[in-house]
Amino acid sequence: MKVETDHKQIVFWRWVLTASLLFAVWYLAYRSLQPAANWVTYSLIRLPAESHLGSAISFFLFETPKVMMLLVLIVFCVGIIRTFFSPENTRRILAGSRESVGNVLAALLGVVTPFCSCSAVPLFMGFVQAGVPLGVTLSFLIAAPMINEIALVLLFGMFGWKVAVIYASTGLFIAISAGWVIGRLKLERYVEEWVYEVIAARADYELEEITWNNRIESGKTAVLEIVGKV
């Protein structure tokens, strides 16, 4: 047992060191984008600095790799974060929260959890069966498809942090407010009885432990799937 624990710690710190080095390289490359774009435009191609064509080319050479680098970093990190939030873990967290606090927590969890709109019905049933208030459940289900981390990165890269913050805060406000209103209306009495009677299929076996290798692979897969489509 001690040998296994020591091995896990070695693997963990190895990934921390590797991630730190890769982030340092990423940061240096990111900081070099603007000087590199200016050098290519005004020194290599020799376009006038005051010309519209020069400004357009410099902007393109800077913004395109900038957005792609931000996408790679954010998608990779979110891909790792999502491995910590299974449907069962999310349900357990929300089931123990009060309604007002639960609305905020549910909306925030909806941003980072990997559940799409197609899974709304089974998630709704699972949350209700677990005793999660209906308003809290809807805050989660509204925020999950509404606030997309990829759109957030693209907005930040193209329009700046103010527009990105407006997008995220507006989505959170709508999700939290709508869930709070639904909670005040006490609509639980309109939920069909069979929803409460259905017993969710629960695995009796111990879930397979997710290692850091699995989490890193999940981040890589997310980058290949999402950034590859851009």
Protein backbone atom coordinates (compact mmCIF):
# COMPACT_ATOMS: atom_id res chain seq x y z
CA MET A 1 0.00 0.00 0.00
CA LYS A 2 2.80 2.43 0.92
CA VAL A 3 4.67 1.61 -2.30
CA GLU A 4 1.51 2.27 -4.32
CA THR A 5 0.96 5.60 -2.53
CA ASP A 6 4.56 6.65 -3.13
CA HIS A 7 4.23 5.75 -6.81
CA LYS A 8 1.07 7.87 -7.12
CA GLN A 9 2.83 10.82 -5.50
CA ILE A 10 5.79 10.47 -7.86
CA VAL A 11 3.48 10.36 -10.87
CA PHE A 12 1.53 13.37 -9.59
CA TRP A 13 4.60 15.56 -9.01
CA ARG A 14 6.06 14.47 -12.33
CA TRP A 15 2.95 15.74 -14.06
CA VAL A 16 3.07 18.96 -12.01
CA LEU A 17 6.68 19.58 -13.09
CA THR A 18 5.92 18.75 -16.72
CA ALA A 19 2.83 20.96 -16.71
CA SER A 20 4.81 23.85 -15.18
CA LEU A 21 7.51 23.59 -17.85
CA LEU A 22 4.96 23.37 -20.66
CA PHE A 23 3.06 26.36 -19.29
CA ALA A 24 6.30 28.37 -19.10
CA VAL A 25 6.98 27.57 -22.76
CA TRP A 26 3.38 28.43 -23.64
CA TYR A 27 3.58 31.75 -21.80
CA LEU A 28 6.85 32.75 -23.47
CA ALA A 29 5.42 31.89 -26.89
CA TYR A 30 2.23 33.81 -26.10
CA ARG A 31 4.17 36.91 -25.03
CA SER A 32 6.22 36.73 -28.23
CA LEU A 33 3.23 36.77 -30.59
CA GLN A 34 2.90 40.55 -30.91
CA PRO A 35 6.62 41.25 -31.50
CA ALA A 36 6.76 38.36 -33.98
CA ALA A 37 3.71 39.63 -35.87
CA ASN A 38 5.19 43.14 -36.04
CA TRP A 39 8.56 41.80 -37.20
CA VAL A 40 7.02 39.74 -40.01
CA THR A 41 4.78 42.59 -41.13
CA TYR A 42 7.05 45.60 -40.89
CA SER A 43 10.58 44.13 -41.12
CA LEU A 44 10.26 41.00 -43.23
CA ILE A 45 7.48 42.07 -45.61
CA ARG A 46 8.44 45.76 -45.16
CA LEU A 47 4.92 47.17 -45.14
CA PRO A 48 4.50 50.75 -43.89
CA ALA A 49 3.55 50.88 -40.23
CA GLU A 50 0.84 53.48 -40.90
CA SER A 51 -0.81 51.57 -43.75
CA HIS A 52 -4.17 49.82 -43.36
CA LEU A 53 -2.80 46.70 -45.05
CA GLY A 54 0.10 46.51 -42.63
CA SER A 55 -2.20 46.92 -39.64
CA ALA A 56 -4.56 44.26 -40.97
CA ILE A 57 -1.79 41.72 -41.59
CA SER A 58 -0.18 42.41 -38.22
CA PHE A 59 -3.55 42.01 -36.52
CA PHE A 60 -4.21 38.72 -38.32
CA LEU A 61 -0.77 37.30 -37.56
CA PHE A 62 -1.20 38.18 -33.89
CA GLU A 63 -4.85 37.34 -33.23
CA THR A 64 -5.05 33.99 -35.05
CA PRO A 65 -2.33 32.16 -33.08
CA LYS A 66 -3.39 34.02 -29.94
CA VAL A 67 -6.93 32.64 -30.07
CA MET A 68 -5.68 29.15 -30.95
CA MET A 69 -3.19 29.14 -28.07
CA LEU A 70 -5.85 30.31 -25.62
CA LEU A 71 -8.20 27.62 -26.91
CA VAL A 72 -5.60 24.89 -26.46
CA LEU A 73 -4.80 25.99 -22.89
CA ILE A 74 -8.39 26.46 -21.72
CA VAL A 75 -9.79 23.36 -23.42
CA PHE A 76 -6.97 21.23 -22.01
CA CYS A 77 -7.52 22.55 -18.48
CA VAL A 78 -11.30 22.18 -18.69
CA GLY A 79 -10.88 18.65 -20.03
CA ILE A 80 -8.92 17.77 -16.89
CA ILE A 81 -11.33 19.57 -14.55
CA ARG A 82 -14.29 17.71 -16.02
CA THR A 83 -12.83 14.36 -14.95
CA PHE A 84 -13.55 15.36 -11.34
CA PHE A 85 -17.29 15.88 -11.99
CA SER A 86 -19.20 12.72 -12.77
CA PRO A 87 -23.03 12.86 -12.73
CA GLU A 88 -23.01 11.08 -9.37
CA ASN A 89 -20.53 13.53 -7.80
CA THR A 90 -22.47 16.52 -9.12
CA ARG A 91 -25.72 15.10 -7.79
CA ARG A 92 -24.14 14.48 -4.38
CA ILE A 93 -22.81 18.06 -4.15
CA LEU A 94 -26.11 19.68 -5.09
CA ALA A 95 -28.25 17.40 -2.91
CA GLY A 96 -26.72 18.81 0.26
CA SER A 97 -27.01 22.52 -0.59
CA ARG A 98 -29.66 25.03 0.44
CA GLU A 99 -31.84 26.49 -2.29
CA SER A 100 -30.35 29.99 -2.68
CA VAL A 101 -26.76 28.83 -2.30
CA GLY A 102 -27.65 25.79 -4.38
CA ASN A 103 -28.77 27.95 -7.32
CA VAL A 104 -25.39 29.68 -7.45
CA LEU A 105 -23.45 26.44 -6.96
CA ALA A 106 -25.55 24.62 -9.57
CA ALA A 107 -25.03 27.35 -12.16
CA LEU A 108 -21.26 27.34 -11.57
CA LEU A 109 -21.12 23.54 -11.80
CA GLY A 110 -23.14 23.71 -15.01
CA VAL A 111 -20.32 25.67 -16.65
CA VAL A 112 -17.58 23.10 -16.00
CA THR A 113 -19.46 19.80 -16.15
CA PRO A 114 -19.36 17.80 -19.40
CA PHE A 115 -23.11 17.31 -19.79
CA CYS A 116 -24.85 18.43 -22.98
CA SER A 117 -28.53 19.28 -23.55
CA CYS A 118 -29.23 15.72 -24.77
CA SER A 119 -28.63 14.42 -21.24
CA ALA A 120 -31.07 16.89 -19.64
CA VAL A 121 -33.89 14.38 -19.03
CA PRO A 122 -31.85 11.67 -17.25
CA LEU A 123 -29.98 14.33 -15.27
CA PHE A 124 -33.27 15.96 -14.25
CA MET A 125 -34.66 12.64 -13.06
CA GLY A 126 -31.48 11.76 -11.21
CA PHE A 127 -31.32 15.12 -9.43
CA VAL A 128 -34.99 15.01 -8.42
CA GLN A 129 -34.65 11.45 -7.11
CA ALA A 130 -31.59 12.50 -5.10
CA GLY A 131 -33.61 15.23 -3.37
CA VAL A 132 -32.11 18.21 -5.20
CA PRO A 133 -34.66 21.09 -5.19
CA LEU A 134 -36.36 21.66 -8.53
CA GLY A 135 -35.14 25.26 -8.79
CA VAL A 136 -31.54 24.21 -8.14
CA THR A 137 -31.86 21.47 -10.75
CA LEU A 138 -33.07 23.94 -13.37
CA SER A 139 -30.26 26.39 -12.58
CA PHE A 140 -27.82 23.61 -13.43
CA LEU A 141 -29.67 22.53 -16.58
CA ILE A 142 -29.92 26.12 -17.87
CA ALA A 143 -26.27 27.02 -17.24
CA ALA A 144 -24.79 23.81 -18.68
CA PRO A 145 -25.66 24.46 -22.36
CA MET A 146 -25.85 28.27 -22.10
CA ILE A 147 -22.30 29.06 -20.95
CA ASN A 148 -19.71 27.40 -23.15
CA GLU A 149 -16.04 27.63 -22.23
CA ILE A 150 -15.00 27.60 -25.90
CA ALA A 151 -17.24 30.57 -26.69
CA LEU A 152 -15.85 32.27 -23.59
CA VAL A 153 -12.27 31.91 -24.83
CA LEU A 154 -13.17 33.06 -28.34
CA LEU A 155 -14.94 36.14 -27.00
CA PHE A 156 -11.97 36.92 -24.76
CA GLY A 157 -9.53 36.55 -27.63
CA MET A 158 -11.52 38.58 -30.16
CA PHE A 159 -13.28 41.21 -28.05
CA GLY A 160 -11.45 41.35 -24.74
CA TRP A 161 -12.21 40.36 -21.17
CA LYS A 162 -15.11 42.78 -20.71
CA VAL A 163 -17.26 41.11 -23.38
CA ALA A 164 -16.29 37.66 -22.06
CA VAL A 165 -17.28 38.66 -18.52
CA ILE A 166 -20.60 40.08 -19.76
CA TYR A 167 -21.32 36.81 -21.59
CA ALA A 168 -20.50 34.63 -18.58
CA SER A 169 -22.19 36.83 -15.99
CA THR A 170 -25.35 37.19 -18.10
CA GLY A 171 -25.62 33.42 -18.52
CA LEU A 172 -25.06 32.85 -14.80
CA PHE A 173 -27.60 35.55 -13.89
CA ILE A 174 -30.25 34.00 -16.13
CA ALA A 175 -29.59 30.49 -14.80
CA ILE A 176 -29.55 31.55 -11.14
CA SER A 177 -32.59 33.85 -11.46
CA ALA A 178 -34.68 31.35 -13.41
CA GLY A 179 -33.86 28.58 -10.95
CA TRP A 180 -34.67 30.83 -7.99
CA VAL A 181 -38.04 31.83 -9.50
CA ILE A 182 -38.91 28.20 -10.24
CA GLY A 183 -37.96 27.32 -6.67
CA ARG A 184 -40.23 30.06 -5.27
CA LEU A 185 -43.17 28.74 -7.32
CA LYS A 186 -42.93 25.34 -5.58
CA LEU A 187 -43.60 23.37 -8.75
CA GLU A 188 -42.54 20.05 -7.25
CA ARG A 189 -46.21 19.12 -6.91
CA TYR A 190 -46.54 19.11 -10.70
CA VAL A 191 -43.76 16.58 -11.22
CA GLU A 192 -45.23 13.22 -12.21
CA GLU A 193 -45.23 10.61 -9.45
CA TRP A 194 -43.43 8.05 -11.59
CA VAL A 195 -40.36 10.30 -11.65
CA TYR A 196 -40.02 9.89 -7.89
CA GLU A 197 -40.88 6.20 -8.00
CA VAL A 198 -38.32 5.25 -10.60
CA ILE A 199 -35.18 4.00 -8.93
CA ALA A 200 -32.12 5.24 -10.71
CA ALA A 201 -29.80 2.50 -11.81
CA ARG A 202 -26.85 2.68 -9.47
CA ALA A 203 -23.67 0.70 -9.82
CA ASP A 204 -22.89 -1.41 -6.76
CA TYR A 205 -19.32 -1.91 -7.76
CA GLU A 206 -16.53 0.49 -6.89
CA LEU A 207 -15.92 2.98 -9.63
CA GLU A 208 -12.61 2.66 -11.37
CA GLU A 209 -10.12 5.14 -10.00
CA ILE A 210 -9.16 7.85 -12.45
CA THR A 211 -5.41 8.35 -12.52
CA TRP A 212 -3.58 11.50 -13.58
CA ASN A 213 -2.63 9.73 -16.79
CA ASN A 214 -6.35 9.35 -17.51
CA ARG A 215 -6.98 13.01 -16.70
CA ILE A 216 -4.17 14.17 -18.99
CA GLU A 217 -5.49 11.94 -21.77
CA SER A 218 -8.94 13.45 -21.27
CA GLY A 219 -7.44 16.93 -21.70
CA LYS A 220 -5.59 15.86 -24.85
CA THR A 221 -8.75 14.30 -26.29
CA ALA A 222 -10.72 17.48 -25.63
CA VAL A 223 -8.08 19.56 -27.42
CA LEU A 224 -8.03 17.24 -30.45
CA GLU A 225 -11.82 17.10 -30.67
CA ILE A 226 -12.62 20.78 -30.15
CA VAL A 227 -9.59 22.69 -31.42
CA GLY A 228 -9.35 20.33 -34.39
CA LYS A 229 -12.79 21.47 -35.53
CA VAL A 230 -11.82 25.14 -35.37
